[in-house]
Amino acid sequence: MKISEFFNKELIITNFDAVCQDDVFNVLFKKLFENGYVKETYLEAVKKREKVFPTGLLLNKYNVAIPHTDPEHVVKPAIAVATLKNPVVFKNMANPLEDVEVSLVFMIALNEAHSQVEMLQQLIQLIQDDSVLEKIIREDGGDEIINIIKNCTLNDETV
């Protein structure tokens, strides 16, 4: 399973002008739901999980959030992406009392519980490269972002 197979251009929003975390959840859920990837229950399940297990990651230059929820809310696996015009506050995964201003959100929808850990590991590997994140944030469309992800994972058998 390669992470690049889970990205689809219809699930990518660039330069999104979100005010808060819920704006991001709502717009990415709409993309996932309208394209048949998740069930109607997915949105509330993601919001509920985020309150208990926040997913904001404090990185070097661009902070990232990786919201997700249980497989029972997912029809078929995918990763929805939003690059944000202005950072939005999430809670830090490592310290839930701390705020993290996030510029990039990867909303994961997986329909098998065992695949979630593997997917998260691959995604973490991808987002640890500042140059990749910078390229993704600068792009205006889904096709370009998918190409960036495919190109950076081309030589890595695990991603």
Protein backbone atom coordinates (compact mmCIF):
# COMPACT_ATOMS: atom_id res chain seq x y z
CA MET A 1 0.00 0.00 0.00
CA LYS A 2 1.53 3.27 -1.17
CA ILE A 3 0.32 6.51 0.33
CA SER A 4 0.25 8.24 -3.07
CA GLU A 5 -2.61 5.93 -4.16
CA PHE A 6 -4.96 7.53 -1.62
CA PHE A 7 -4.78 11.08 -2.97
CA ASN A 8 -7.37 12.18 -5.56
CA LYS A 9 -7.59 15.61 -7.12
CA GLU A 10 -11.31 15.93 -6.30
CA LEU A 11 -10.36 15.68 -2.60
CA ILE A 12 -7.83 18.53 -2.58
CA ILE A 13 -8.60 22.14 -1.72
CA THR A 14 -5.88 24.75 -2.13
CA ASN A 15 -5.55 28.18 -0.55
CA PHE A 16 -8.72 27.63 1.52
CA ASP A 17 -9.75 30.69 3.54
CA ALA A 18 -10.88 28.93 6.73
CA VAL A 19 -11.68 30.76 9.96
CA CYS A 20 -11.54 27.77 12.28
CA GLN A 21 -10.95 24.04 12.53
CA ASP A 22 -14.65 23.28 11.91
CA ASP A 23 -14.52 25.12 8.56
CA VAL A 24 -11.73 22.77 7.46
CA PHE A 25 -13.54 19.68 8.74
CA ASN A 26 -16.78 20.70 7.03
CA VAL A 27 -15.28 21.39 3.61
CA LEU A 28 -13.08 18.27 3.55
CA PHE A 29 -15.97 16.10 4.77
CA LYS A 30 -18.18 17.49 1.99
CA LYS A 31 -15.56 16.48 -0.61
CA LEU A 32 -15.19 13.00 0.88
CA PHE A 33 -18.95 12.46 1.28
CA GLU A 34 -19.98 13.79 -2.14
CA ASN A 35 -17.39 11.55 -3.82
CA GLY A 36 -18.55 8.45 -1.94
CA TYR A 37 -15.57 7.93 0.36
CA VAL A 38 -17.24 8.34 3.75
CA LYS A 39 -20.60 7.89 5.43
CA GLU A 40 -22.71 10.73 6.78
CA THR A 41 -21.52 9.85 10.32
CA TYR A 42 -17.88 10.60 9.45
CA LEU A 43 -17.96 14.36 10.14
CA GLU A 44 -19.28 14.16 13.69
CA ALA A 45 -16.99 11.20 14.43
CA VAL A 46 -13.93 13.20 13.30
CA LYS A 47 -14.93 16.24 15.37
CA LYS A 48 -15.59 14.07 18.45
CA ARG A 49 -12.26 12.25 18.09
CA GLU A 50 -10.33 15.49 17.54
CA LYS A 51 -11.56 16.82 20.90
CA VAL A 52 -10.26 13.75 22.72
CA PHE A 53 -7.21 12.94 20.57
CA PRO A 54 -6.04 16.15 18.85
CA THR A 55 -3.96 15.80 15.69
CA GLY A 56 -2.06 19.09 15.35
CA LEU A 57 1.64 18.54 14.72
CA LEU A 58 4.21 21.20 15.50
CA LEU A 59 6.82 20.92 12.75
CA ASN A 60 9.78 23.03 11.66
CA LYS A 61 8.21 25.52 9.26
CA TYR A 62 4.65 24.49 8.39
CA ASN A 63 2.44 22.84 10.98
CA VAL A 64 0.11 20.03 9.94
CA ALA A 65 -3.04 18.35 11.28
CA ILE A 66 -4.06 14.79 10.47
CA PRO A 67 -7.69 14.35 11.56
CA HIS A 68 -9.22 10.90 11.19
CA THR A 69 -11.67 8.53 12.84
CA ASP A 70 -12.76 4.90 13.07
CA PRO A 71 -13.10 2.72 9.94
CA GLU A 72 -16.84 2.14 10.46
CA HIS A 73 -17.48 5.67 9.14
CA VAL A 74 -15.54 5.08 5.92
CA VAL A 75 -16.76 3.54 2.63
CA LYS A 76 -13.45 3.48 0.72
CA PRO A 77 -10.01 4.77 1.73
CA ALA A 78 -8.73 8.22 0.78
CA ILE A 79 -6.83 11.24 2.05
CA ALA A 80 -8.42 14.68 1.63
CA VAL A 81 -6.07 17.67 1.68
CA ALA A 82 -6.55 21.35 2.45
CA THR A 83 -3.86 23.99 2.14
CA LEU A 84 -4.92 27.01 4.18
CA LYS A 85 -4.68 30.66 3.15
CA ASN A 86 -4.14 31.56 6.82
CA PRO A 87 -3.19 29.14 9.60
CA VAL A 88 -6.01 27.69 11.73
CA VAL A 89 -5.65 26.68 15.38
CA PHE A 90 -5.64 22.98 16.26
CA LYS A 91 -4.61 21.38 19.54
CA ASN A 92 -1.15 19.82 19.67
CA MET A 93 -1.09 16.02 19.40
CA ALA A 94 1.85 15.82 21.84
CA ASN A 95 0.45 18.37 24.32
CA PRO A 96 -3.34 18.89 24.04
CA LEU A 97 -3.12 22.03 26.20
CA GLU A 98 -1.00 23.75 23.55
CA ASP A 99 -2.36 25.40 20.38
CA VAL A 100 -0.76 24.76 17.00
CA GLU A 101 -1.32 27.06 14.02
CA VAL A 102 -1.81 24.65 11.14
CA SER A 103 -1.24 25.50 7.46
CA LEU A 104 -1.92 22.10 5.95
CA VAL A 105 -4.54 19.45 6.80
CA PHE A 106 -4.54 15.80 5.70
CA MET A 107 -7.93 14.28 6.59
CA ILE A 108 -7.54 10.52 6.52
CA ALA A 109 -10.39 8.13 5.76
CA LEU A 110 -9.44 4.47 6.11
CA ASN A 111 -11.82 1.53 6.17
CA GLU A 112 -9.51 -0.98 7.85
CA ALA A 113 -8.26 -0.43 11.41
CA HIS A 114 -4.88 -2.11 10.86
CA SER A 115 -4.06 0.14 7.91
CA GLN A 116 -4.41 3.34 9.96
CA VAL A 117 -1.09 3.01 11.80
CA GLU A 118 0.79 2.18 8.61
CA MET A 119 -0.82 5.12 6.78
CA LEU A 120 -0.01 7.52 9.62
CA GLN A 121 3.62 6.37 9.60
CA GLN A 122 3.88 6.98 5.85
CA LEU A 123 2.23 10.37 6.13
CA ILE A 124 4.51 11.41 9.00
CA GLN A 125 7.50 10.41 6.87
CA LEU A 126 6.18 12.59 4.04
CA ILE A 127 5.46 15.69 6.15
CA GLN A 128 8.84 15.67 7.86
CA ASP A 129 10.35 17.05 4.65
CA ASP A 130 9.98 20.86 4.79
CA SER A 131 10.67 21.24 1.07
CA VAL A 132 7.78 18.89 0.21
CA LEU A 133 5.39 20.79 2.48
CA GLU A 134 6.47 24.10 0.99
CA LYS A 135 5.86 22.83 -2.55
CA ILE A 136 2.41 21.52 -1.58
CA ILE A 137 1.41 24.78 0.11
CA ARG A 138 2.49 26.87 -2.89
CA GLU A 139 0.42 24.91 -5.42
CA ASP A 140 -2.97 26.05 -6.71
CA GLY A 141 -4.46 22.74 -7.79
CA GLY A 142 -4.94 19.11 -6.89
CA ASP A 143 -3.08 17.68 -9.90
CA GLU A 144 0.11 19.51 -8.96
CA ILE A 145 -0.08 18.37 -5.35
CA ILE A 146 -0.59 14.75 -6.38
CA ASN A 147 2.43 15.02 -8.69
CA ILE A 148 4.56 16.40 -5.84
CA ILE A 149 3.55 13.52 -3.57
CA LYS A 150 4.10 10.91 -6.29
CA ASN A 151 7.49 12.37 -7.22
CA CYS A 152 8.74 12.49 -3.66
CA THR A 153 7.56 8.93 -2.98
CA LEU A 154 8.73 7.49 -6.31
CA ASN A 155 12.10 6.36 -5.00
CA ASP A 156 10.82 5.22 -1.63
CA GLU A 157 9.26 1.75 -1.64
CA THR A 158 7.60 2.26 1.74
CA VAL A 159 5.70 5.44 0.86
